[in-house]
């Protein structure tokens, strides 16, 4: 599946206003601007949340207009956030209060959605992804899609080490290199591994080797 990447509106949950033990964000998905504005108005009306633009360590909720693989969706999965449909916001408006999240969780999108969220709830602040920890140094090429810095951030978020060059790297993402001892994979290796919370075999993402400046 080709990744649908990009950032969208987010909501920051203020712990002092809602008696939450930690802060959180809600991804508004890739809907049209009017949808974002409408949901933002609901958030203001119900209170307890602030709009943000990117999932961070304070994030607890990511709201999407559907099962689309965006950067914020992947960040949310990696951080163990709630991944919810937009219906959660609109149904909460109808009831005049924030509803329990389980009914609106997009767990059919990927088993990792619920698995990572439960781990985060279990371990709390100690929760940390270790998906890429044993992969060795990972080099991300320039001009990748999604952008290099976003891929590097995802790798580090999931416990990986980012190499500054191909020299000494165990895995190279986004460009083939001449060194046959190095696994050269497409960007989807990183994205798919995070999406399913399972390290995908590099052999399924190998790039054809050719002369390279790396």
Foldseek 3Di string as FASTA:
>chain_A
DDADEDWAKKKWFDCVVVVDPAIAIEAAADDDPVSVVVLQVLCVQLDRIHIDTAGDLRHAHYEHCDLHHYLRVLVCLQNLHFYFYPVQSVVCSVVSYRDDGPVGGPCVSEVSNNVSNVQCVVPPPVDAAQQAQPQFEEEEDQPAVVGPVSLCVLQVRRNHHHDPDPVRGQEYEDAAAPPPNHFYFYSVQSSVCSRHVHRDDSVVGGDDHDHDPD
